[in-house]
């Protein structure tokens, strides 16, 4: 079964990953890789979704915007890995449609 991996880098990355996985309709886990020189990172793995993918895509986008806004001036990067194509998408630049397409890959 395909899984979506989301890499989160920045201050409080583990807390951000936890908040992402608390979105209703998303199930998954996250891990914190070995830290390098103070860089905080977390890898969230979405293994299943319940509900409409378009609505979840909007919630993920909203989660990103709220987290980014609540940490002004701090580095916060989120990359989504498409499990089908292997393509990496920077969430800051992703459209709702792009996020929806990725979520569709695990909703089947």
N, C-alpha and C. Protein backbone atom coordinates (compact mmCIF):
# COMPACT_ATOMS: atom_id res chain seq x y z
N UNK A 1 0.83 -1.17 0.00
CA UNK A 1 0.00 0.00 0.00
C UNK A 1 0.89 1.24 0.00
N UNK A 2 0.60 2.20 -0.87
CA UNK A 2 1.41 3.42 -0.93
C UNK A 2 1.30 4.23 0.36
N UNK A 3 2.37 4.95 0.66
CA UNK A 3 2.40 5.83 1.81
C UNK A 3 2.93 7.18 1.36
N UNK A 4 2.43 8.22 1.95
CA UNK A 4 2.92 9.56 1.65
C UNK A 4 3.87 9.98 2.76
N UNK A 5 5.06 10.40 2.38
CA UNK A 5 6.00 10.89 3.38
C UNK A 5 6.07 12.41 3.28
N UNK A 6 6.05 13.03 4.45
CA UNK A 6 6.12 14.49 4.54
C UNK A 6 7.29 14.83 5.44
N UNK A 7 8.28 15.50 4.87
CA UNK A 7 9.45 15.91 5.63
C UNK A 7 9.21 17.32 6.14
N UNK A 8 9.41 17.51 7.43
CA UNK A 8 9.20 18.81 8.07
C UNK A 8 10.52 19.22 8.70
N UNK A 9 10.99 20.40 8.34
CA UNK A 9 12.22 20.93 8.92
C UNK A 9 11.91 22.29 9.52
N UNK A 10 12.46 22.52 10.68
CA UNK A 10 12.28 23.82 11.32
C UNK A 10 12.06 23.65 12.80
N UNK A 11 11.92 24.79 13.47
CA UNK A 11 11.72 24.76 14.90
C UNK A 11 10.43 24.04 15.24
N UNK A 12 10.48 23.17 16.22
CA UNK A 12 9.32 22.40 16.67
C UNK A 12 8.76 21.47 15.60
N UNK A 13 9.63 20.94 14.73
CA UNK A 13 9.18 20.03 13.67
C UNK A 13 8.41 18.83 14.22
N UNK A 14 8.85 18.19 15.29
CA UNK A 14 8.07 17.06 15.82
C UNK A 14 6.67 17.46 16.26
N UNK A 15 6.55 18.63 16.87
CA UNK A 15 5.24 19.11 17.30
C UNK A 15 4.37 19.41 16.09
N UNK A 16 4.97 19.95 15.03
CA UNK A 16 4.22 20.22 13.80
C UNK A 16 3.75 18.93 13.17
N UNK A 17 4.59 17.91 13.17
CA UNK A 17 4.21 16.61 12.60
C UNK A 17 3.06 16.00 13.39
N UNK A 18 3.13 16.12 14.69
CA UNK A 18 2.06 15.61 15.54
C UNK A 18 0.75 16.32 15.23
N UNK A 19 0.80 17.64 15.06
CA UNK A 19 -0.40 18.41 14.74
C UNK A 19 -0.96 18.01 13.37
N UNK A 20 -0.08 17.76 12.41
CA UNK A 20 -0.51 17.32 11.08
C UNK A 20 -1.29 16.02 11.17
N UNK A 21 -0.76 15.08 11.94
CA UNK A 21 -1.40 13.76 12.05
C UNK A 21 -2.65 13.77 12.91
N UNK A 22 -2.92 14.88 13.59
CA UNK A 22 -4.15 15.01 14.36
C UNK A 22 -5.32 15.48 13.50
N UNK A 23 -5.07 15.84 12.26
CA UNK A 23 -6.15 16.26 11.37
C UNK A 23 -7.10 15.08 11.19
N UNK A 24 -8.38 15.34 11.42
CA UNK A 24 -9.39 14.28 11.28
C UNK A 24 -9.37 13.72 9.87
N UNK A 25 -9.29 12.40 9.75
CA UNK A 25 -9.28 11.75 8.46
C UNK A 25 -7.93 11.26 8.01
N UNK A 26 -6.88 11.64 8.74
CA UNK A 26 -5.52 11.22 8.41
C UNK A 26 -5.03 10.24 9.46
N UNK A 27 -4.44 9.14 9.01
CA UNK A 27 -3.80 8.24 9.97
C UNK A 27 -2.36 8.03 9.53
N UNK A 28 -1.49 7.97 10.50
CA UNK A 28 -0.07 7.78 10.19
C UNK A 28 0.78 7.92 11.43
N UNK A 29 2.07 8.02 11.20
CA UNK A 29 3.04 8.13 12.28
C UNK A 29 4.10 9.16 11.89
N UNK A 30 4.94 9.49 12.84
CA UNK A 30 6.09 10.33 12.51
C UNK A 30 7.29 9.86 13.30
N UNK A 31 8.45 10.19 12.78
CA UNK A 31 9.68 9.87 13.48
C UNK A 31 10.61 11.07 13.39
N UNK A 32 11.52 11.14 14.33
CA UNK A 32 12.50 12.22 14.36
C UNK A 32 13.85 11.59 14.05
N UNK A 33 14.40 11.89 12.86
CA UNK A 33 15.72 11.33 12.53
C UNK A 33 16.81 11.95 13.40
N UNK A 34 17.98 11.36 13.37
CA UNK A 34 19.12 11.87 14.12
C UNK A 34 19.36 13.33 13.75
N UNK A 35 19.50 14.15 14.76
CA UNK A 35 19.68 15.59 14.54
C UNK A 35 21.09 15.91 14.05
N UNK A 36 21.16 16.89 13.14
CA UNK A 36 22.46 17.35 12.63
C UNK A 36 22.63 18.83 12.94
N UNK A 37 23.60 19.14 13.73
CA UNK A 37 23.97 20.52 14.02
C UNK A 37 22.78 21.42 14.35
N UNK A 38 21.90 20.96 15.21
CA UNK A 38 20.79 21.78 15.65
C UNK A 38 19.59 21.84 14.72
N UNK A 39 19.67 21.21 13.56
CA UNK A 39 18.54 21.21 12.64
C UNK A 39 17.46 20.29 13.20
N UNK A 40 16.27 20.81 13.33
CA UNK A 40 15.16 19.99 13.79
C UNK A 40 14.40 19.47 12.58
N UNK A 41 14.07 18.20 12.60
CA UNK A 41 13.36 17.61 11.49
C UNK A 41 12.46 16.49 11.99
N UNK A 42 11.43 16.22 11.22
CA UNK A 42 10.54 15.09 11.48
C UNK A 42 10.04 14.58 10.14
N UNK A 43 9.81 13.28 10.08
CA UNK A 43 9.25 12.67 8.88
C UNK A 43 7.90 12.08 9.27
N UNK A 44 6.84 12.63 8.71
CA UNK A 44 5.50 12.09 8.95
C UNK A 44 5.17 11.15 7.80
N UNK A 45 4.56 10.03 8.11
CA UNK A 45 4.16 9.08 7.09
C UNK A 45 2.65 8.89 7.20
N UNK A 46 1.95 9.30 6.14
CA UNK A 46 0.50 9.13 6.11
C UNK A 46 0.23 7.79 5.46
N UNK A 47 -0.44 6.91 6.20
CA UNK A 47 -0.68 5.56 5.68
C UNK A 47 -2.13 5.35 5.28
N UNK A 48 -2.99 6.27 5.65
CA UNK A 48 -4.39 6.12 5.27
C UNK A 48 -5.14 7.41 5.46
N UNK A 49 -6.20 7.55 4.68
CA UNK A 49 -7.06 8.72 4.82
C UNK A 49 -8.51 8.27 4.76
N UNK A 50 -9.34 9.00 5.47
CA UNK A 50 -10.77 8.73 5.48
C UNK A 50 -11.46 10.04 5.12
N UNK A 51 -12.35 9.98 4.16
CA UNK A 51 -13.07 11.18 3.76
C UNK A 51 -12.60 11.66 2.40
N UNK A 52 -13.09 12.81 2.02
CA UNK A 52 -12.76 13.37 0.72
C UNK A 52 -11.34 13.90 0.67
N UNK A 53 -10.64 13.53 -0.39
CA UNK A 53 -9.24 13.94 -0.51
C UNK A 53 -9.11 15.45 -0.70
N UNK A 54 -10.07 16.06 -1.38
CA UNK A 54 -9.98 17.52 -1.60
C UNK A 54 -10.10 18.26 -0.28
N UNK A 55 -11.00 17.81 0.58
CA UNK A 55 -11.17 18.45 1.89
C UNK A 55 -9.92 18.26 2.74
N UNK A 56 -9.32 17.07 2.69
CA UNK A 56 -8.09 16.83 3.44
C UNK A 56 -6.94 17.66 2.90
N UNK A 57 -6.87 17.81 1.58
CA UNK A 57 -5.82 18.64 0.98
C UNK A 57 -5.93 20.08 1.50
N UNK A 58 -7.16 20.57 1.58
CA UNK A 58 -7.36 21.92 2.10
C UNK A 58 -6.94 22.01 3.57
N UNK A 59 -7.24 20.97 4.34
CA UNK A 59 -6.86 20.98 5.75
C UNK A 59 -5.34 20.95 5.92
N UNK A 60 -4.67 20.16 5.08
CA UNK A 60 -3.21 20.12 5.14
C UNK A 60 -2.63 21.48 4.79
N UNK A 61 -3.15 22.11 3.76
CA UNK A 61 -2.69 23.44 3.36
C UNK A 61 -2.93 24.44 4.50
N UNK A 62 -4.11 24.36 5.12
CA UNK A 62 -4.44 25.25 6.23
C UNK A 62 -3.50 25.01 7.41
N UNK A 63 -3.22 23.72 7.71
CA UNK A 63 -2.27 23.39 8.78
C UNK A 63 -0.94 24.07 8.51
N UNK A 64 -0.44 23.97 7.29
CA UNK A 64 0.85 24.56 6.94
C UNK A 64 0.82 26.08 7.14
N UNK A 65 -0.22 26.72 6.61
CA UNK A 65 -0.30 28.17 6.70
C UNK A 65 -0.37 28.65 8.15
N UNK A 66 -1.17 27.96 8.97
CA UNK A 66 -1.28 28.35 10.37
C UNK A 66 0.02 28.14 11.12
N UNK A 67 0.70 27.02 10.84
CA UNK A 67 1.96 26.74 11.53
C UNK A 67 3.02 27.76 11.12
N UNK A 68 3.06 28.05 9.84
CA UNK A 68 4.04 29.01 9.33
C UNK A 68 3.78 30.39 9.94
N UNK A 69 2.52 30.79 10.02
CA UNK A 69 2.17 32.09 10.58
C UNK A 69 2.49 32.18 12.07
N UNK A 70 2.34 31.07 12.79
CA UNK A 70 2.56 31.10 14.23
C UNK A 70 4.05 31.06 14.60
N UNK A 71 4.91 30.87 13.61
CA UNK A 71 6.36 30.86 13.84
C UNK A 71 7.04 31.86 12.89
N UNK A 72 6.68 33.14 12.99
CA UNK A 72 7.24 34.13 12.07
C UNK A 72 8.75 34.25 12.20
N UNK A 73 9.38 34.40 11.07
CA UNK A 73 10.82 34.60 11.05
C UNK A 73 11.63 33.34 11.28
N UNK A 74 10.98 32.21 11.44
CA UNK A 74 11.70 30.96 11.67
C UNK A 74 11.61 30.08 10.43
N UNK A 75 12.65 29.31 10.20
CA UNK A 75 12.65 28.39 9.07
C UNK A 75 11.60 27.31 9.31
N UNK A 76 10.77 27.07 8.31
CA UNK A 76 9.78 26.01 8.39
C UNK A 76 9.52 25.52 6.97
N UNK A 77 10.10 24.40 6.63
CA UNK A 77 9.95 23.85 5.29
C UNK A 77 9.25 22.50 5.37
N UNK A 78 8.33 22.27 4.46
CA UNK A 78 7.60 21.01 4.41
C UNK A 78 7.65 20.51 2.97
N UNK A 79 8.11 19.27 2.81
CA UNK A 79 8.20 18.66 1.49
C UNK A 79 7.34 17.39 1.50
N UNK A 80 6.50 17.26 0.47
CA UNK A 80 5.66 16.07 0.33
C UNK A 80 6.24 15.22 -0.77
N UNK A 81 6.40 13.93 -0.50
CA UNK A 81 6.92 12.99 -1.48
C UNK A 81 5.76 12.19 -2.06
N UNK A 82 5.56 12.30 -3.36
CA UNK A 82 4.51 11.54 -4.06
C UNK A 82 4.96 10.09 -4.16
N UNK A 83 4.21 9.15 -3.57
CA UNK A 83 4.65 7.75 -3.57
C UNK A 83 4.59 7.09 -4.94
N UNK A 84 3.81 7.63 -5.84
CA UNK A 84 3.68 7.03 -7.17
C UNK A 84 4.80 7.49 -8.10
N UNK A 85 5.02 8.80 -8.17
CA UNK A 85 5.99 9.34 -9.12
C UNK A 85 7.36 9.60 -8.49
N UNK A 86 7.41 9.67 -7.16
CA UNK A 86 8.65 10.00 -6.49
C UNK A 86 8.95 11.49 -6.49
N UNK A 87 8.05 12.26 -7.07
CA UNK A 87 8.22 13.71 -7.16
C UNK A 87 8.11 14.35 -5.77
N UNK A 88 8.94 15.35 -5.53
CA UNK A 88 8.91 16.10 -4.27
C UNK A 88 8.25 17.45 -4.52
N UNK A 89 7.34 17.80 -3.62
CA UNK A 89 6.63 19.07 -3.75
C UNK A 89 6.83 19.87 -2.47
N UNK A 90 7.30 21.09 -2.61
CA UNK A 90 7.44 21.99 -1.47
C UNK A 90 6.04 22.51 -1.14
N UNK A 91 5.57 22.26 0.06
CA UNK A 91 4.20 22.60 0.42
C UNK A 91 3.93 24.09 0.30
N UNK A 92 4.94 24.90 0.53
CA UNK A 92 4.76 26.35 0.41
C UNK A 92 4.29 26.74 -0.99
N UNK A 93 4.73 26.01 -2.00
CA UNK A 93 4.40 26.32 -3.39
C UNK A 93 3.30 25.44 -3.96
N UNK A 94 2.86 24.43 -3.22
CA UNK A 94 1.89 23.46 -3.73
C UNK A 94 0.48 24.04 -3.77
N UNK A 95 -0.25 23.65 -4.80
CA UNK A 95 -1.65 24.02 -4.89
C UNK A 95 -2.51 22.94 -4.23
N UNK A 96 -3.73 23.27 -3.95
CA UNK A 96 -4.66 22.30 -3.38
C UNK A 96 -4.79 21.11 -4.34
N UNK A 97 -4.79 21.40 -5.64
CA UNK A 97 -4.93 20.34 -6.64
C UNK A 97 -3.74 19.37 -6.60
N UNK A 98 -2.53 19.90 -6.44
CA UNK A 98 -1.34 19.04 -6.37
C UNK A 98 -1.38 18.16 -5.12
N UNK A 99 -1.78 18.74 -4.00
CA UNK A 99 -1.89 17.97 -2.77
C UNK A 99 -2.96 16.90 -2.92
N UNK A 100 -4.08 17.26 -3.53
CA UNK A 100 -5.18 16.30 -3.76
C UNK A 100 -4.71 15.12 -4.59
N UNK A 101 -3.94 15.37 -5.65
CA UNK A 101 -3.45 14.29 -6.50
C UNK A 101 -2.58 13.31 -5.72
N UNK A 102 -1.74 13.84 -4.84
CA UNK A 102 -0.89 12.98 -4.04
C UNK A 102 -1.74 12.15 -3.07
N UNK A 103 -2.73 12.78 -2.43
CA UNK A 103 -3.57 12.06 -1.50
C UNK A 103 -4.38 10.96 -2.19
N UNK A 104 -4.75 11.20 -3.44
CA UNK A 104 -5.50 10.18 -4.19
C UNK A 104 -4.70 8.88 -4.33
N UNK A 105 -3.39 8.99 -4.34
CA UNK A 105 -2.57 7.79 -4.53
C UNK A 105 -2.69 6.80 -3.37
N UNK A 106 -3.06 7.28 -2.18
CA UNK A 106 -3.24 6.34 -1.06
C UNK A 106 -4.70 6.12 -0.71
N UNK A 107 -5.60 6.82 -1.38
CA UNK A 107 -7.01 6.66 -1.05
C UNK A 107 -7.65 5.50 -1.81
N UNK A 108 -6.91 4.88 -2.70
CA UNK A 108 -7.46 3.79 -3.53
C UNK A 108 -7.46 2.48 -2.79
